[in-house]
Amino acid sequence: MSRILNAASLAAVGMTVVPMLLLAEPGFATDLGADANAPTILLPSAETPVVAETADLGVQSEAPTPNNTDIDEQPGPDADDADQPVTAETLAALVDATPRPATIDPELRCLAGAVYFESRGESLAGQLAVAHVIINRAESGRFPASYCGVVLQRSQFSFVRHGKMPKIRESGAQWRNALAIAQIARDDRWKNKAPGALFFHARYVSPGWRKTRVAQIDNHIFYR
């Protein structure tokens, strides 16, 4: 009788464990602001930063028995994968695999905004080249030292009005792509086809620049 009760008890314990499982007119990236040392201007944002918290959904038996095995903790559906390296065989695949950050800081918003308004209707390679021009300028010592300072510098980009960007339609796929491209360029995760470029213009205009031409991608010609 005791053996029957013990077997029933072990069965009851086993049964209690449940598995948890642009198309805006292209502007110029000219040399009017070079060596201007203009002050950094941050793009105002009405968004309130949101910090995402991840719950621990792991399951662990509080009273293991000789027949119990360890149950691995399972990550929750909201687990933060931002620290995990993202790799892909094509730029399009890398864009698709790049997660949207929980909070878009002003610098990333300025960089992505420039990509969106200047080149959202062009190829991903063209968008990446535009993003790298912003980054190259910020790192050159010849322009403002921040992405927002570069993008909002006076007389540089035609989409900037009165020191501000227009409103972005953030629910669309073009913004999601621009945001991913900005992150990829910022983190230098894909080869840029216009390396070292600091200037560009639309191919249907001819400003007569005496600069070194780097590349032509889609509607833009890039120089350094």
N, C-alpha and C. Protein backbone atom coordinates (compact mmCIF):
# COMPACT_ATOMS: atom_id res chain seq x y z
N MET A 1 0.83 -1.21 0.00
CA MET A 1 0.00 0.00 0.00
C MET A 1 0.86 1.26 0.00
N SER A 2 1.96 1.24 0.81
CA SER A 2 2.86 2.40 0.88
C SER A 2 3.53 2.63 -0.47
N ARG A 3 3.85 1.52 -1.18
CA ARG A 3 4.46 1.68 -2.49
C ARG A 3 3.50 2.37 -3.46
N ILE A 4 2.24 2.05 -3.37
CA ILE A 4 1.23 2.67 -4.24
C ILE A 4 1.12 4.15 -3.93
N LEU A 5 1.13 4.52 -2.63
CA LEU A 5 1.04 5.93 -2.24
C LEU A 5 2.27 6.71 -2.69
N ASN A 6 3.46 6.07 -2.55
CA ASN A 6 4.68 6.75 -2.98
C ASN A 6 4.66 7.01 -4.48
N ALA A 7 4.23 6.03 -5.24
CA ALA A 7 4.16 6.19 -6.70
C ALA A 7 3.18 7.29 -7.07
N ALA A 8 2.04 7.32 -6.36
CA ALA A 8 1.04 8.36 -6.64
C ALA A 8 1.57 9.73 -6.30
N SER A 9 2.35 9.82 -5.20
CA SER A 9 2.92 11.11 -4.80
C SER A 9 3.92 11.60 -5.83
N LEU A 10 4.77 10.68 -6.30
CA LEU A 10 5.75 11.07 -7.31
C LEU A 10 5.07 11.51 -8.60
N ALA A 11 4.00 10.86 -8.98
CA ALA A 11 3.25 11.23 -10.19
C ALA A 11 2.63 12.61 -10.03
N ALA A 12 2.10 12.90 -8.81
CA ALA A 12 1.48 14.21 -8.57
C ALA A 12 2.51 15.32 -8.65
N VAL A 13 3.70 15.06 -8.10
CA VAL A 13 4.76 16.07 -8.15
C VAL A 13 5.16 16.31 -9.59
N GLY A 14 5.30 15.25 -10.38
CA GLY A 14 5.68 15.39 -11.79
C GLY A 14 4.66 16.17 -12.58
N MET A 15 3.37 16.03 -12.22
CA MET A 15 2.31 16.71 -12.96
C MET A 15 2.23 18.19 -12.63
N THR A 16 2.90 18.68 -11.57
CA THR A 16 2.79 20.08 -11.16
C THR A 16 3.73 21.00 -11.90
N VAL A 17 4.72 20.45 -12.65
CA VAL A 17 5.67 21.29 -13.37
C VAL A 17 5.09 21.61 -14.75
N VAL A 18 4.82 22.90 -15.07
CA VAL A 18 4.20 23.30 -16.34
C VAL A 18 5.22 24.04 -17.19
N PRO A 19 5.51 23.67 -18.44
CA PRO A 19 6.53 24.35 -19.29
C PRO A 19 6.11 25.78 -19.58
N MET A 20 6.98 26.78 -19.40
CA MET A 20 6.71 28.19 -19.70
C MET A 20 7.46 28.59 -20.96
N LEU A 21 7.05 28.66 -21.48
CA LEU A 21 7.75 29.01 -22.78
C LEU A 21 7.68 30.49 -22.88
N LEU A 22 12.48 59.42 -48.83
CA LEU A 22 12.58 61.09 -49.05
C LEU A 22 12.17 61.21 -50.58
N LEU A 23 9.11 61.46 -50.39
CA LEU A 23 10.35 61.45 -51.27
C LEU A 23 10.68 62.95 -51.43
N ALA A 24 11.48 63.51 -50.55
CA ALA A 24 11.78 64.94 -50.55
C ALA A 24 12.82 65.28 -51.58
N GLU A 25 12.81 66.54 -52.04
CA GLU A 25 13.80 66.95 -53.04
C GLU A 25 15.17 66.88 -52.40
N PRO A 26 16.12 66.20 -53.01
CA PRO A 26 17.45 66.05 -52.41
C PRO A 26 18.12 67.39 -52.22
N GLY A 27 18.77 67.58 -51.09
CA GLY A 27 19.47 68.82 -50.83
C GLY A 27 20.95 68.64 -51.07
N PHE A 28 21.71 69.60 -50.60
CA PHE A 28 23.15 69.57 -50.78
C PHE A 28 23.83 69.30 -49.45
N ALA A 29 24.88 68.54 -49.49
CA ALA A 29 25.80 68.46 -48.36
C ALA A 29 27.02 69.23 -48.82
N THR A 30 26.95 70.56 -48.69
CA THR A 30 27.96 71.44 -49.27
C THR A 30 29.09 71.69 -48.30
N ASP A 31 30.02 72.57 -48.75
CA ASP A 31 31.14 72.93 -47.90
C ASP A 31 30.97 74.29 -47.25
N LEU A 32 29.74 74.84 -47.27
CA LEU A 32 29.51 76.16 -46.70
C LEU A 32 29.76 76.18 -45.20
N GLY A 33 29.56 75.03 -44.56
CA GLY A 33 29.72 75.00 -43.12
C GLY A 33 31.05 74.47 -42.67
N ALA A 34 31.94 74.15 -43.60
CA ALA A 34 33.23 73.58 -43.21
C ALA A 34 34.01 74.59 -42.41
N ASP A 35 34.65 74.10 -41.36
CA ASP A 35 35.49 74.90 -40.48
C ASP A 35 34.71 76.01 -39.78
N ALA A 36 33.37 75.87 -39.76
CA ALA A 36 32.57 76.92 -39.14
C ALA A 36 32.52 76.78 -37.64
N ASN A 37 32.77 75.54 -37.17
CA ASN A 37 32.69 75.27 -35.73
C ASN A 37 31.37 75.74 -35.16
N ALA A 38 30.30 75.49 -35.90
CA ALA A 38 28.99 75.90 -35.42
C ALA A 38 28.63 75.14 -34.18
N PRO A 39 27.86 75.75 -33.27
CA PRO A 39 27.48 75.06 -32.03
C PRO A 39 26.55 73.92 -32.32
N THR A 40 26.57 72.96 -31.47
CA THR A 40 25.69 71.81 -31.61
C THR A 40 24.26 72.22 -31.32
N ILE A 41 23.33 71.82 -32.21
CA ILE A 41 21.92 72.10 -32.01
C ILE A 41 21.21 70.77 -31.89
N LEU A 42 20.55 70.57 -30.81
CA LEU A 42 19.85 69.30 -30.63
C LEU A 42 18.43 69.42 -31.11
N LEU A 43 17.97 68.42 -31.79
CA LEU A 43 16.60 68.39 -32.28
C LEU A 43 15.64 68.17 -31.15
N PRO A 44 14.70 69.09 -30.93
CA PRO A 44 13.75 68.89 -29.83
C PRO A 44 12.93 67.64 -30.07
N SER A 45 12.65 66.96 -29.04
CA SER A 45 11.85 65.75 -29.15
C SER A 45 10.82 65.73 -28.04
N ALA A 46 9.56 65.51 -28.43
CA ALA A 46 8.50 65.49 -27.43
C ALA A 46 8.33 64.13 -26.81
N GLU A 47 9.14 63.18 -27.28
CA GLU A 47 8.99 61.82 -26.77
C GLU A 47 9.57 61.68 -25.39
N THR A 48 8.94 60.91 -24.58
CA THR A 48 9.45 60.60 -23.26
C THR A 48 10.17 59.29 -23.32
N PRO A 49 11.46 59.27 -22.88
CA PRO A 49 12.20 58.01 -22.94
C PRO A 49 11.50 56.91 -22.18
N VAL A 50 11.50 55.76 -22.76
CA VAL A 50 10.88 54.61 -22.13
C VAL A 50 11.93 53.55 -21.93
N VAL A 51 12.02 53.06 -20.73
CA VAL A 51 12.98 52.01 -20.44
C VAL A 51 12.24 50.68 -20.41
N ALA A 52 12.67 49.78 -21.26
CA ALA A 52 12.03 48.48 -21.34
C ALA A 52 12.61 47.57 -20.27
N GLU A 53 11.75 46.91 -19.54
CA GLU A 53 12.19 45.96 -18.55
C GLU A 53 11.86 44.56 -19.01
N THR A 54 12.73 43.63 -18.71
CA THR A 54 12.53 42.25 -19.12
C THR A 54 12.32 41.38 -17.88
N ALA A 55 11.24 40.66 -17.87
CA ALA A 55 10.94 39.80 -16.73
C ALA A 55 11.67 38.48 -16.88
N ASP A 56 11.99 37.87 -15.76
CA ASP A 56 12.63 36.57 -15.77
C ASP A 56 11.54 35.50 -15.79
N LEU A 57 11.42 34.81 -16.91
CA LEU A 57 10.38 33.82 -17.06
C LEU A 57 10.90 32.41 -16.86
N GLY A 58 12.07 32.28 -16.24
CA GLY A 58 12.63 30.96 -16.02
C GLY A 58 11.84 30.19 -14.98
N VAL A 59 11.88 28.87 -15.03
CA VAL A 59 11.16 28.02 -14.10
C VAL A 59 12.17 27.17 -13.36
N GLN A 60 12.04 27.10 -12.06
CA GLN A 60 12.95 26.28 -11.29
C GLN A 60 12.16 25.57 -10.21
N SER A 61 12.38 24.33 -10.07
CA SER A 61 11.68 23.55 -9.07
C SER A 61 12.20 23.90 -7.69
N GLU A 62 11.28 24.17 -6.75
CA GLU A 62 11.67 24.54 -5.40
C GLU A 62 12.00 23.31 -4.56
N ALA A 63 11.47 22.20 -4.91
CA ALA A 63 11.70 20.99 -4.11
C ALA A 63 12.06 19.85 -5.04
N PRO A 64 13.32 19.81 -5.53
CA PRO A 64 13.71 18.75 -6.47
C PRO A 64 13.69 17.39 -5.81
N THR A 65 13.32 16.43 -6.60
CA THR A 65 13.32 15.05 -6.13
C THR A 65 14.37 14.29 -6.91
N PRO A 66 14.72 13.10 -6.52
CA PRO A 66 15.73 12.34 -7.26
C PRO A 66 15.41 12.17 -8.72
N ASN A 67 14.10 12.20 -9.08
CA ASN A 67 13.73 12.00 -10.48
C ASN A 67 13.63 13.31 -11.26
N ASN A 68 13.80 14.48 -10.58
CA ASN A 68 13.69 15.77 -11.26
C ASN A 68 14.97 16.08 -12.03
N THR A 69 14.84 16.81 -13.14
CA THR A 69 16.01 17.30 -13.89
C THR A 69 15.98 18.81 -13.86
N ASP A 70 17.16 19.44 -14.04
CA ASP A 70 17.22 20.90 -14.05
C ASP A 70 16.48 21.44 -15.26
N ILE A 71 15.70 22.51 -15.07
CA ILE A 71 14.92 23.13 -16.14
C ILE A 71 15.61 24.43 -16.52
N ASP A 72 16.08 24.53 -17.75
CA ASP A 72 16.77 25.73 -18.18
C ASP A 72 15.83 26.92 -18.20
N GLU A 73 16.36 28.08 -17.80
CA GLU A 73 15.56 29.29 -17.87
C GLU A 73 15.35 29.69 -19.33
N GLN A 74 14.11 30.05 -19.65
CA GLN A 74 13.77 30.45 -21.01
C GLN A 74 13.66 31.97 -21.07
N PRO A 75 14.28 32.64 -22.06
CA PRO A 75 14.17 34.09 -22.14
C PRO A 75 12.75 34.51 -22.48
N GLY A 76 12.31 35.61 -21.90
CA GLY A 76 10.98 36.12 -22.17
C GLY A 76 10.89 36.68 -23.57
N PRO A 77 9.69 36.90 -24.08
CA PRO A 77 9.51 37.41 -25.44
C PRO A 77 10.04 38.82 -25.61
N ASP A 78 10.19 39.56 -24.48
CA ASP A 78 10.68 40.91 -24.56
C ASP A 78 12.15 41.00 -24.20
N ALA A 79 12.88 39.92 -24.29
CA ALA A 79 14.30 39.92 -23.93
C ALA A 79 15.06 40.89 -24.82
N ASP A 80 16.01 41.62 -24.23
CA ASP A 80 16.76 42.64 -24.96
C ASP A 80 17.89 41.97 -25.73
N ASP A 81 17.80 42.02 -27.07
CA ASP A 81 18.83 41.42 -27.92
C ASP A 81 19.79 42.46 -28.47
N ALA A 82 19.73 43.70 -27.94
CA ALA A 82 20.54 44.79 -28.50
C ALA A 82 22.03 44.52 -28.40
N ASP A 83 22.45 43.76 -27.38
CA ASP A 83 23.87 43.50 -27.20
C ASP A 83 24.37 42.33 -28.04
N GLN A 84 23.45 41.62 -28.69
CA GLN A 84 23.84 40.48 -29.49
C GLN A 84 24.26 40.95 -30.89
N PRO A 85 25.40 40.49 -31.40
CA PRO A 85 25.84 40.92 -32.74
C PRO A 85 24.87 40.46 -33.81
N VAL A 86 24.57 41.35 -34.73
CA VAL A 86 23.66 41.04 -35.83
C VAL A 86 24.48 40.89 -37.10
N THR A 87 24.39 39.74 -37.72
CA THR A 87 25.12 39.50 -38.96
C THR A 87 24.15 39.10 -40.06
N ALA A 88 24.54 39.35 -41.30
CA ALA A 88 23.68 39.01 -42.44
C ALA A 88 24.53 38.96 -43.69
N GLU A 89 24.01 38.30 -44.72
CA GLU A 89 24.75 38.15 -45.97
C GLU A 89 24.52 39.31 -46.92
N THR A 90 23.42 40.05 -46.74
CA THR A 90 23.13 41.21 -47.59
C THR A 90 22.74 42.38 -46.70
N LEU A 91 22.87 43.60 -47.26
CA LEU A 91 22.49 44.78 -46.50
C LEU A 91 21.00 44.77 -46.19
N ALA A 92 20.20 44.31 -47.14
CA ALA A 92 18.76 44.24 -46.89
C ALA A 92 18.44 43.30 -45.73
N ALA A 93 19.12 42.18 -45.68
CA ALA A 93 18.90 41.25 -44.58
C ALA A 93 19.35 41.84 -43.27
N LEU A 94 20.45 42.60 -43.29
CA LEU A 94 20.94 43.24 -42.07
C LEU A 94 19.96 44.30 -41.57
N VAL A 95 19.37 45.04 -42.50
CA VAL A 95 18.36 46.03 -42.14
C VAL A 95 17.17 45.34 -41.48
N ASP A 96 16.72 44.24 -42.07
CA ASP A 96 15.58 43.51 -41.51
C ASP A 96 15.90 42.94 -40.13
N ALA A 97 17.16 42.57 -39.91
CA ALA A 97 17.55 41.93 -38.65
C ALA A 97 17.92 42.93 -37.57
N THR A 98 18.01 44.21 -37.91
CA THR A 98 18.39 45.23 -36.92
C THR A 98 17.17 45.66 -36.13
N PRO A 99 17.14 45.41 -34.82
CA PRO A 99 15.94 45.75 -34.04
C PRO A 99 15.81 47.25 -33.81
N ARG A 100 14.59 47.71 -33.71
CA ARG A 100 14.34 49.11 -33.36
C ARG A 100 14.64 49.31 -31.89
N PRO A 101 15.43 50.34 -31.53
CA PRO A 101 15.76 50.54 -30.12
C PRO A 101 14.53 50.95 -29.32
N ALA A 102 14.52 50.57 -28.05
CA ALA A 102 13.40 50.94 -27.19
C ALA A 102 13.28 52.45 -27.07
N THR A 103 14.41 53.14 -27.04
CA THR A 103 14.44 54.59 -26.96
C THR A 103 15.34 55.13 -28.07
N ILE A 104 14.84 56.09 -28.85
CA ILE A 104 15.62 56.70 -29.92
C ILE A 104 16.20 58.00 -29.38
N ASP A 105 17.51 58.02 -29.13
CA ASP A 105 18.12 59.22 -28.58
C ASP A 105 18.20 60.31 -29.65
N PRO A 106 18.35 61.59 -29.27
CA PRO A 106 18.33 62.69 -30.25
C PRO A 106 19.36 62.55 -31.35
N GLU A 107 20.56 62.06 -31.04
CA GLU A 107 21.59 61.92 -32.06
C GLU A 107 21.21 60.89 -33.12
N LEU A 108 20.70 59.75 -32.68
CA LEU A 108 20.26 58.74 -33.64
C LEU A 108 19.08 59.24 -34.45
N ARG A 109 18.18 59.99 -33.82
CA ARG A 109 17.04 60.54 -34.55
C ARG A 109 17.49 61.52 -35.63
N CYS A 110 18.49 62.35 -35.34
CA CYS A 110 18.99 63.28 -36.35
C CYS A 110 19.63 62.53 -37.51
N LEU A 111 20.42 61.52 -37.20
CA LEU A 111 21.08 60.74 -38.25
C LEU A 111 20.05 60.02 -39.11
N ALA A 112 19.11 59.35 -38.48
CA ALA A 112 18.07 58.63 -39.22
C ALA A 112 17.18 59.60 -39.99
N GLY A 113 16.92 60.78 -39.41
CA GLY A 113 16.10 61.78 -40.09
C GLY A 113 16.75 62.27 -41.38
N ALA A 114 18.07 62.45 -41.35
CA ALA A 114 18.77 62.87 -42.56
C ALA A 114 18.68 61.79 -43.64
N VAL A 115 18.82 60.54 -43.23
CA VAL A 115 18.68 59.43 -44.18
C VAL A 115 17.26 59.42 -44.75
N TYR A 116 16.28 59.59 -43.90
CA TYR A 116 14.87 59.53 -44.30
C TYR A 116 14.53 60.64 -45.31
N PHE A 117 14.86 61.88 -44.98
CA PHE A 117 14.46 62.99 -45.85
C PHE A 117 15.34 63.13 -47.09
N GLU A 118 16.58 62.74 -47.00
CA GLU A 118 17.50 62.92 -48.12
C GLU A 118 17.49 61.76 -49.10
N SER A 119 17.21 60.55 -48.63
CA SER A 119 17.43 59.40 -49.52
C SER A 119 16.47 58.24 -49.31
N ARG A 120 15.33 58.47 -48.71
CA ARG A 120 14.45 57.33 -48.40
C ARG A 120 13.92 56.63 -49.65
N GLY A 121 13.91 57.31 -50.80
CA GLY A 121 13.43 56.69 -52.03
C GLY A 121 14.53 55.99 -52.82
N GLU A 122 15.74 55.94 -52.28
CA GLU A 122 16.86 55.34 -52.98
C GLU A 122 17.22 53.98 -52.39
N SER A 123 18.24 53.36 -52.98
CA SER A 123 18.64 52.04 -52.51
C SER A 123 19.21 52.12 -51.09
N LEU A 124 19.28 50.97 -50.44
CA LEU A 124 19.84 50.93 -49.09
C LEU A 124 21.31 51.34 -49.09
N ALA A 125 22.05 51.00 -50.16
CA ALA A 125 23.45 51.41 -50.26
C ALA A 125 23.56 52.93 -50.36
N GLY A 126 22.64 53.56 -51.08
CA GLY A 126 22.62 55.01 -51.17
C GLY A 126 22.29 55.66 -49.85
N GLN A 127 21.34 55.08 -49.13
CA GLN A 127 20.98 55.59 -47.82
C GLN A 127 22.15 55.47 -46.84
N LEU A 128 22.85 54.35 -46.93
CA LEU A 128 24.01 54.13 -46.05
C LEU A 128 25.10 55.16 -46.33
N ALA A 129 25.33 55.49 -47.60
CA ALA A 129 26.35 56.47 -47.96
C ALA A 129 25.99 57.85 -47.43
N VAL A 130 24.73 58.22 -47.48
CA VAL A 130 24.29 59.50 -46.93
C VAL A 130 24.53 59.53 -45.42
N ALA A 131 24.20 58.45 -44.74
CA ALA A 131 24.42 58.39 -43.29
C ALA A 131 25.89 58.56 -42.96
N HIS A 132 26.76 57.95 -43.75
CA HIS A 132 28.19 58.04 -43.47
C HIS A 132 28.74 59.45 -43.71
N VAL A 133 28.13 60.22 -44.62
CA VAL A 133 28.56 61.61 -44.79
C VAL A 133 28.32 62.39 -43.50
N ILE A 134 27.17 62.18 -42.87
CA ILE A 134 26.87 62.85 -41.60
C ILE A 134 27.90 62.45 -40.55
N ILE A 135 28.16 61.16 -40.46
CA ILE A 135 29.11 60.65 -39.46
C ILE A 135 30.52 61.17 -39.74
N ASN A 136 30.95 61.14 -41.01
CA ASN A 136 32.28 61.62 -41.37
C ASN A 136 32.45 63.09 -41.02
N ARG A 137 31.42 63.89 -41.26
CA ARG A 137 31.50 65.31 -40.92
C ARG A 137 31.64 65.51 -39.41
N ALA A 138 30.86 64.78 -38.65
CA ALA A 138 30.90 64.93 -37.19
C ALA A 138 32.27 64.54 -36.63
N GLU A 139 32.97 63.65 -37.33
CA GLU A 139 34.27 63.18 -36.85
C GLU A 139 35.45 63.91 -37.49
N SER A 140 35.18 64.86 -38.41
CA SER A 140 36.24 65.47 -39.20
C SER A 140 36.95 66.62 -38.50
N GLY A 141 36.29 67.28 -37.56
CA GLY A 141 36.85 68.48 -36.95
C GLY A 141 36.60 69.72 -37.77
N ARG A 142 35.99 69.60 -38.93
CA ARG A 142 35.70 70.73 -39.81
C ARG A 142 34.24 71.17 -39.72
N PHE A 143 33.42 70.35 -39.13
CA PHE A 143 32.00 70.62 -38.99
C PHE A 143 31.62 70.43 -37.53
N PRO A 144 30.38 70.73 -37.18
CA PRO A 144 29.95 70.47 -35.80
C PRO A 144 30.23 69.02 -35.40
N ALA A 145 30.50 68.81 -34.14
CA ALA A 145 30.98 67.51 -33.67
C ALA A 145 29.87 66.55 -33.28
N SER A 146 28.63 66.84 -33.62
CA SER A 146 27.53 65.93 -33.33
C SER A 146 26.69 65.73 -34.58
N TYR A 147 25.94 64.64 -34.63
CA TYR A 147 25.08 64.38 -35.78
C TYR A 147 24.04 65.48 -35.94
N CYS A 148 23.43 65.89 -34.83
CA CYS A 148 22.41 66.94 -34.90
C CYS A 148 23.03 68.26 -35.34
N GLY A 149 24.24 68.56 -34.85
CA GLY A 149 24.90 69.78 -35.26
C GLY A 149 25.17 69.79 -36.75
N VAL A 150 25.58 68.65 -37.30
CA VAL A 150 25.85 68.53 -38.74
C VAL A 150 24.56 68.67 -39.54
N VAL A 151 23.54 67.93 -39.15
CA VAL A 151 22.30 67.91 -39.93
C VAL A 151 21.58 69.25 -39.89
N LEU A 152 21.57 69.89 -38.74
CA LEU A 152 20.81 71.13 -38.58
C LEU A 152 21.64 72.38 -38.85
N GLN A 153 22.89 72.21 -39.28
CA GLN A 153 23.72 73.37 -39.59
C GLN A 153 23.09 74.17 -40.72
N ARG A 154 23.14 75.46 -40.58
CA ARG A 154 22.47 76.36 -41.54
C ARG A 154 23.00 76.18 -42.96
N SER A 155 22.08 76.21 -43.91
CA SER A 155 22.38 76.17 -45.36
C SER A 155 23.07 74.89 -45.80
N GLN A 156 22.75 73.78 -45.17
CA GLN A 156 23.36 72.52 -45.54
C GLN A 156 22.37 71.56 -46.20
N PHE A 157 21.22 71.37 -45.59
CA PHE A 157 20.26 70.40 -46.12
C PHE A 157 18.92 71.10 -46.39
N SER A 158 18.38 70.86 -47.59
CA SER A 158 17.18 71.57 -48.01
C SER A 158 15.94 71.19 -47.19
N PHE A 159 15.95 70.02 -46.57
CA PHE A 159 14.76 69.61 -45.80
C PHE A 159 14.70 70.28 -44.43
N VAL A 160 15.77 70.91 -43.99
CA VAL A 160 15.79 71.59 -42.69
C VAL A 160 15.19 72.98 -42.85
N ARG A 161 14.21 73.29 -42.04
CA ARG A 161 13.56 74.60 -42.07
C ARG A 161 13.61 75.21 -40.68
N HIS A 162 14.17 76.42 -40.62
CA HIS A 162 14.25 77.15 -39.35
C HIS A 162 14.91 76.31 -38.26
N GLY A 163 15.95 75.58 -38.65
CA GLY A 163 16.71 74.80 -37.68
C GLY A 163 16.03 73.55 -37.19
N LYS A 164 14.99 73.10 -37.89
CA LYS A 164 14.27 71.92 -37.46
C LYS A 164 13.96 71.00 -38.64
N MET A 165 13.74 69.74 -38.33
CA MET A 165 13.30 68.78 -39.34
C MET A 165 11.77 68.78 -39.40
N PRO A 166 11.22 68.44 -40.56
CA PRO A 166 9.76 68.24 -40.63
C PRO A 166 9.35 67.02 -39.80
N LYS A 167 8.08 66.87 -39.62
CA LYS A 167 7.56 65.72 -38.88
C LYS A 167 7.79 64.44 -39.68
N ILE A 168 8.19 63.41 -38.99
CA ILE A 168 8.46 62.11 -39.63
C ILE A 168 7.28 61.17 -39.42
N ARG A 169 6.89 60.47 -40.48
CA ARG A 169 5.84 59.46 -40.36
C ARG A 169 6.49 58.16 -39.87
N GLU A 170 6.51 57.99 -38.57
CA GLU A 170 7.28 56.92 -37.96
C GLU A 170 6.63 55.54 -38.07
N SER A 171 5.41 55.48 -38.54
CA SER A 171 4.75 54.18 -38.66
C SER A 171 5.06 53.48 -39.98
N GLY A 172 5.72 54.18 -40.89
CA GLY A 172 5.98 53.62 -42.21
C GLY A 172 7.26 52.81 -42.29
N ALA A 173 7.35 51.97 -43.33
CA ALA A 173 8.52 51.12 -43.54
C ALA A 173 9.76 51.95 -43.88
N GLN A 174 9.58 53.12 -44.54
CA GLN A 174 10.73 53.94 -44.91
C GLN A 174 11.45 54.48 -43.68
N TRP A 175 10.71 54.82 -42.64
CA TRP A 175 11.35 55.28 -41.40
C TRP A 175 12.05 54.12 -40.70
N ARG A 176 11.43 52.96 -40.69
CA ARG A 176 12.07 51.81 -40.06
C ARG A 176 13.39 51.48 -40.76
N ASN A 177 13.39 51.56 -42.10
CA ASN A 177 14.63 51.32 -42.83
C ASN A 177 15.68 52.38 -42.52
N ALA A 178 15.27 53.65 -42.50
CA ALA A 178 16.20 54.74 -42.22
C ALA A 178 16.80 54.60 -40.83
N LEU A 179 15.98 54.19 -39.87
CA LEU A 179 16.46 54.02 -38.50
C LEU A 179 17.46 52.86 -38.42
N ALA A 180 17.18 51.78 -39.13
CA ALA A 180 18.11 50.65 -39.16
C ALA A 180 19.41 51.03 -39.85
N ILE A 181 19.32 51.75 -40.98
CA ILE A 181 20.52 52.19 -41.71
C ILE A 181 21.37 53.09 -40.83
N ALA A 182 20.73 53.99 -40.08
CA ALA A 182 21.46 54.89 -39.19
C ALA A 182 22.25 54.10 -38.15
N GLN A 183 21.63 53.07 -37.59
CA GLN A 183 22.32 52.24 -36.60
C GLN A 183 23.48 51.47 -37.23
N ILE A 184 23.25 50.93 -38.41
CA ILE A 184 24.29 50.16 -39.10
C ILE A 184 25.48 51.05 -39.44
N ALA A 185 25.20 52.28 -39.92
CA ALA A 185 26.28 53.22 -40.25
C ALA A 185 27.02 53.66 -38.99
N ARG A 186 26.27 53.99 -37.97
CA ARG A 186 26.88 54.44 -36.70
C ARG A 186 27.81 53.38 -36.13
N ASP A 187 27.39 52.12 -36.22
CA ASP A 187 28.18 51.02 -35.65
C ASP A 187 29.16 50.42 -36.66
N ASP A 188 29.21 50.99 -37.87
CA ASP A 188 30.12 50.55 -38.93
C ASP A 188 30.00 49.05 -39.17
N ARG A 189 28.76 48.59 -39.44
CA ARG A 189 28.51 47.17 -39.60
C ARG A 189 28.35 46.72 -41.05
N TRP A 190 28.53 47.65 -42.01
CA TRP A 190 28.46 47.26 -43.41
C TRP A 190 29.36 48.19 -44.22
N LYS A 191 30.01 47.66 -45.26
CA LYS A 191 30.94 48.44 -46.06
C LYS A 191 30.23 49.57 -46.79
N ASN A 192 30.76 50.77 -46.66
CA ASN A 192 30.22 51.96 -47.30
C ASN A 192 30.80 52.10 -48.70
N LYS A 193 29.97 52.35 -49.71
CA LYS A 193 30.43 52.46 -51.09
C LYS A 193 30.95 53.85 -51.44
N ALA A 194 30.88 54.78 -50.49
CA ALA A 194 31.44 56.12 -50.71
C ALA A 194 32.34 56.47 -49.52
N PRO A 195 33.43 55.73 -49.34
CA PRO A 195 34.27 55.91 -48.15
C PRO A 195 34.92 57.29 -48.09
N GLY A 196 34.88 57.88 -46.91
CA GLY A 196 35.53 59.17 -46.68
C GLY A 196 34.80 60.37 -47.23
N ALA A 197 33.60 60.19 -47.80
CA ALA A 197 32.88 61.32 -48.41
C ALA A 197 32.42 62.30 -47.34
N LEU A 198 32.58 63.59 -47.65
CA LEU A 198 32.11 64.67 -46.78
C LEU A 198 31.06 65.55 -47.46
N PHE A 199 30.89 65.39 -48.78
CA PHE A 199 29.98 66.24 -49.54
C PHE A 199 29.23 65.39 -50.57
N PHE A 200 28.05 65.86 -50.95
CA PHE A 200 27.33 65.22 -52.05
C PHE A 200 26.35 66.21 -52.65
N HIS A 201 25.92 65.92 -53.85
CA HIS A 201 24.85 66.70 -54.48
C HIS A 201 24.06 65.80 -55.39
N ALA A 202 22.86 66.23 -55.75
CA ALA A 202 22.04 65.47 -56.67
C ALA A 202 22.70 65.46 -58.05
N ARG A 203 22.57 64.36 -58.77
CA ARG A 203 23.30 64.21 -60.03
C ARG A 203 22.77 65.12 -61.13
N TYR A 204 21.56 65.69 -60.97
CA TYR A 204 21.02 66.55 -62.03
C TYR A 204 21.46 68.00 -61.88
N VAL A 205 22.31 68.32 -60.91
CA VAL A 205 22.86 69.66 -60.79
C VAL A 205 24.38 69.58 -60.94
N SER A 206 24.99 70.74 -61.23
CA SER A 206 26.44 70.76 -61.44
C SER A 206 27.02 71.98 -60.73
N PRO A 207 27.38 71.82 -59.47
CA PRO A 207 27.89 72.97 -58.71
C PRO A 207 29.32 73.37 -59.06
N GLY A 208 30.01 72.60 -59.88
CA GLY A 208 31.36 72.94 -60.28
C GLY A 208 32.38 72.82 -59.16
N TRP A 209 32.19 71.87 -58.27
CA TRP A 209 33.12 71.69 -57.16
C TRP A 209 34.46 71.14 -57.65
N ARG A 210 35.54 71.63 -57.07
CA ARG A 210 36.87 71.08 -57.33
C ARG A 210 37.26 70.17 -56.18
N LYS A 211 36.54 69.08 -56.09
CA LYS A 211 36.74 68.11 -55.03
C LYS A 211 36.99 66.74 -55.65
N THR A 212 37.46 65.85 -54.83
CA THR A 212 37.71 64.49 -55.31
C THR A 212 36.41 63.70 -55.30
N ARG A 213 36.02 63.26 -56.47
CA ARG A 213 34.79 62.48 -56.57
C ARG A 213 35.05 61.06 -56.05
N VAL A 214 34.17 60.60 -55.20
CA VAL A 214 34.33 59.29 -54.58
C VAL A 214 33.45 58.25 -55.25
N ALA A 215 32.18 58.59 -55.46
CA ALA A 215 31.25 57.60 -56.02
C ALA A 215 29.96 58.29 -56.44
N GLN A 216 29.23 57.62 -57.32
CA GLN A 216 27.86 58.00 -57.62
C GLN A 216 26.96 56.83 -57.26
N ILE A 217 26.01 57.08 -56.40
CA ILE A 217 25.07 56.04 -55.98
C ILE A 217 23.67 56.59 -56.14
N ASP A 218 22.90 55.97 -56.98
CA ASP A 218 21.52 56.40 -57.23
C ASP A 218 21.51 57.87 -57.66
N ASN A 219 20.85 58.73 -56.90
CA ASN A 219 20.65 60.12 -57.29
C ASN A 219 21.72 61.06 -56.74
N HIS A 220 22.71 60.54 -56.05
CA HIS A 220 23.72 61.40 -55.42
C HIS A 220 25.12 61.11 -55.93
N ILE A 221 25.92 62.18 -56.02
CA ILE A 221 27.35 62.06 -56.32
C ILE A 221 28.10 62.51 -55.07
N PHE A 222 29.04 61.69 -54.64
CA PHE A 222 29.73 61.92 -53.37
C PHE A 222 31.18 62.37 -53.61
N TYR A 223 31.66 63.27 -52.74
CA TYR A 223 33.01 63.83 -52.84
C TYR A 223 33.67 63.86 -51.46
N ARG A 224 34.99 64.02 -51.51
CA ARG A 224 35.71 64.29 -50.26
C ARG A 224 36.72 65.42 -50.47
